[in-house]
Amino acid sequence: MKHIPKIISLLLAVAVLAALLAGCGGKTKDVPVTELADKVCTALGKKDMADPGANYVRGYMRRMPEEIGEYIILKNVMGTNIDEFGIFRAGTMDTAALKEMIDAYIKILQDSWMNYQPEEEPKLKGAEVRTAGDYVMYVILSDADKETAFKAFSAALK
């Protein structure tokens, strides 16, 4: 009889923890990353972005594309700016591993910055990574474009 209050307290604590953990991931729609990227490009008004290819992923992200699973990276192809974003979907790698990989990638870019376009450096220094459900997105964009991209990304997943 003396243990009943302890058991009830423990069960309540477990229930609260489960509710918090369930709410953290947030439920998102199942959307292909290419469709998400199209929506982000449309919102940004960018038509000059292209996928740098599998060798880019092998070299900079230090992973084989099949290790990552479903992803898309788009970079400015005109050479006039360093605009870039990527969207990854958890599956082969979980969101924590994807975020860790992306953070390491951004660090490589920041450490190797050669200052050829000094006006672009704030974009790289302000690079940001966000997670929404099973998706992870990073952006290397101006502050205004960054918010536009994340809003389009979030809206497409609702």
Protein backbone atom coordinates (compact mmCIF):
# COMPACT_ATOMS: atom_id res chain seq x y z
CA MET A 1 0.00 0.00 0.00
CA LYS A 2 2.88 2.40 0.77
CA HIS A 3 4.30 1.99 -2.74
CA ILE A 4 1.15 3.01 -4.62
CA PRO A 5 1.85 6.80 -4.48
CA LYS A 6 5.40 6.16 -5.74
CA ILE A 7 4.13 3.98 -8.57
CA ILE A 8 1.52 6.57 -9.56
CA SER A 9 4.17 9.32 -9.51
CA LEU A 10 6.48 7.20 -11.65
CA LEU A 11 3.72 6.43 -14.15
CA LEU A 12 2.80 10.13 -14.39
CA ALA A 13 6.44 11.05 -14.95
CA VAL A 14 6.74 8.46 -17.71
CA ALA A 15 3.52 9.71 -19.34
CA VAL A 16 4.72 13.32 -19.27
CA LEU A 17 8.11 12.33 -20.71
CA ALA A 18 6.45 10.31 -23.48
CA ALA A 19 4.20 13.25 -24.35
CA LEU A 20 7.16 15.62 -24.48
CA LEU A 21 9.20 13.30 -26.67
CA ALA A 22 6.28 12.74 -29.02
CA GLY A 23 5.82 16.49 -29.41
CA CYS A 24 9.48 17.23 -30.08
CA GLY A 25 9.75 15.51 -33.44
CA GLY A 26 6.58 17.02 -34.79
CA LYS A 27 4.56 15.17 -37.38
CA THR A 28 5.19 16.18 -40.96
CA LYS A 29 3.79 15.12 -44.29
CA ASP A 30 5.63 12.61 -46.41
CA VAL A 31 7.10 14.81 -49.17
CA PRO A 32 9.93 13.93 -51.58
CA VAL A 33 12.97 16.15 -51.03
CA THR A 34 12.94 17.20 -54.70
CA GLU A 35 9.41 18.56 -54.26
CA LEU A 36 10.47 20.44 -51.12
CA ALA A 37 13.45 21.89 -52.99
CA ASP A 38 11.20 23.03 -55.85
CA LYS A 39 8.94 24.85 -53.39
CA VAL A 40 11.95 26.52 -51.72
CA CYS A 41 13.40 27.59 -55.10
CA THR A 42 10.02 28.99 -56.16
CA ALA A 43 9.68 30.94 -52.90
CA LEU A 44 13.21 32.32 -53.34
CA GLY A 45 12.69 33.07 -57.03
CA LYS A 46 15.88 31.14 -57.84
CA LYS A 47 16.24 29.39 -61.16
CA ASP A 48 20.03 29.28 -61.28
CA MET A 49 20.63 26.48 -58.78
CA ALA A 50 21.83 22.98 -59.59
CA ASP A 51 22.85 19.74 -57.90
CA PRO A 52 26.65 19.54 -57.59
CA GLY A 53 26.50 15.73 -57.90
CA ALA A 54 27.52 12.63 -55.99
CA ASN A 55 31.25 13.44 -56.06
CA TYR A 56 30.52 16.63 -54.13
CA VAL A 57 28.82 14.63 -51.40
CA ARG A 58 31.68 12.12 -51.28
CA GLY A 59 34.27 14.90 -51.08
CA TYR A 60 32.67 17.43 -48.76
CA MET A 61 30.19 15.42 -46.70
CA ARG A 62 32.52 12.42 -46.58
CA ARG A 63 29.69 9.99 -47.20
CA MET A 64 28.59 7.85 -50.10
CA PRO A 65 25.23 9.09 -51.41
CA GLU A 66 23.60 5.72 -50.62
CA GLU A 67 24.71 6.09 -46.98
CA ILE A 68 22.75 9.33 -46.71
CA GLY A 69 19.53 8.17 -48.34
CA GLU A 70 17.11 10.71 -49.82
CA TYR A 71 18.61 14.18 -50.17
CA ILE A 72 19.08 17.10 -52.51
CA ILE A 73 21.71 19.82 -52.50
CA LEU A 74 21.31 22.89 -54.69
CA LYS A 75 24.04 25.46 -55.28
CA ASN A 76 24.20 28.62 -57.33
CA VAL A 77 25.80 27.70 -60.66
CA MET A 78 26.51 31.23 -61.88
CA GLY A 79 29.45 31.89 -59.56
CA THR A 80 28.12 35.30 -58.59
CA ASN A 81 27.19 34.22 -55.06
CA ILE A 82 27.54 31.27 -52.69
CA ASP A 83 23.82 30.61 -52.29
CA GLU A 84 23.18 27.01 -51.36
CA PHE A 85 20.74 24.80 -49.50
CA GLY A 86 20.21 21.13 -48.90
CA ILE A 87 17.33 19.01 -47.71
CA PHE A 88 17.82 15.55 -46.25
CA ARG A 89 15.30 12.96 -45.14
CA ALA A 90 15.99 10.61 -42.27
CA GLY A 91 15.90 6.97 -43.12
CA THR A 92 19.31 5.50 -43.75
CA MET A 93 20.69 8.06 -41.27
CA ASP A 94 18.61 9.53 -38.45
CA THR A 95 18.10 13.29 -38.09
CA ALA A 96 20.78 13.61 -35.39
CA ALA A 97 23.39 11.93 -37.64
CA LEU A 98 22.31 14.05 -40.60
CA LYS A 99 22.59 17.24 -38.57
CA GLU A 100 26.04 16.23 -37.33
CA MET A 101 27.17 15.53 -40.91
CA ILE A 102 25.81 18.87 -42.13
CA ASP A 103 27.39 20.79 -39.25
CA ALA A 104 30.77 19.20 -40.12
CA TYR A 105 30.25 20.12 -43.80
CA ILE A 106 29.50 23.76 -42.96
CA LYS A 107 32.58 23.86 -40.72
CA ILE A 108 34.72 22.60 -43.63
CA LEU A 109 33.34 25.37 -45.84
CA GLN A 110 33.93 28.01 -43.17
CA ASP A 111 37.47 26.81 -42.45
CA SER A 112 38.38 26.79 -46.14
CA TRP A 113 36.85 30.21 -46.96
CA MET A 114 39.29 32.03 -49.23
CA ASN A 115 37.58 35.43 -49.12
CA TYR A 116 37.23 35.70 -52.91
CA GLN A 117 33.84 37.30 -52.44
CA PRO A 118 33.99 39.13 -49.09
CA GLU A 119 30.39 40.33 -49.43
CA GLU A 120 29.26 36.67 -49.42
CA GLU A 121 31.05 35.67 -46.20
CA PRO A 122 28.13 36.66 -43.90
CA LYS A 123 26.00 34.02 -45.64
CA LEU A 124 28.53 31.34 -44.80
CA LYS A 125 29.05 32.57 -41.24
CA GLY A 126 25.26 32.67 -40.79
CA ALA A 127 24.64 29.21 -42.26
CA GLU A 128 21.84 27.52 -40.40
CA VAL A 129 20.46 24.00 -39.97
CA ARG A 130 16.88 23.19 -38.95
CA THR A 131 15.02 19.96 -38.38
CA ALA A 132 11.33 19.35 -39.06
CA GLY A 133 10.12 15.85 -38.28
CA ASP A 134 12.21 13.45 -40.38
CA TYR A 135 13.72 16.23 -42.50
CA VAL A 136 16.85 18.31 -42.02
CA MET A 137 17.51 21.45 -44.05
CA TYR A 138 20.57 23.68 -44.16
CA VAL A 139 20.87 27.05 -45.84
CA ILE A 140 23.74 29.28 -46.86
CA LEU A 141 21.73 32.33 -47.87
CA SER A 142 21.17 35.96 -46.94
CA ASP A 143 19.12 36.52 -43.78
CA ALA A 144 15.99 37.43 -45.77
CA ASP A 145 16.35 34.46 -48.12
CA LYS A 146 17.10 32.17 -45.19
CA GLU A 147 13.77 32.97 -43.53
CA THR A 148 11.90 32.67 -46.85
CA ALA A 149 13.49 29.27 -47.48
CA PHE A 150 12.69 27.93 -44.01
CA LYS A 151 9.10 29.20 -44.22
CA ALA A 152 8.58 27.48 -47.60
CA PHE A 153 10.17 24.31 -46.25
CA SER A 154 7.95 24.26 -43.14
CA ALA A 155 4.78 25.12 -45.07
CA ALA A 156 5.36 22.30 -47.56
CA LEU A 157 5.57 19.79 -44.71
CA LYS A 158 2.28 20.80 -43.03
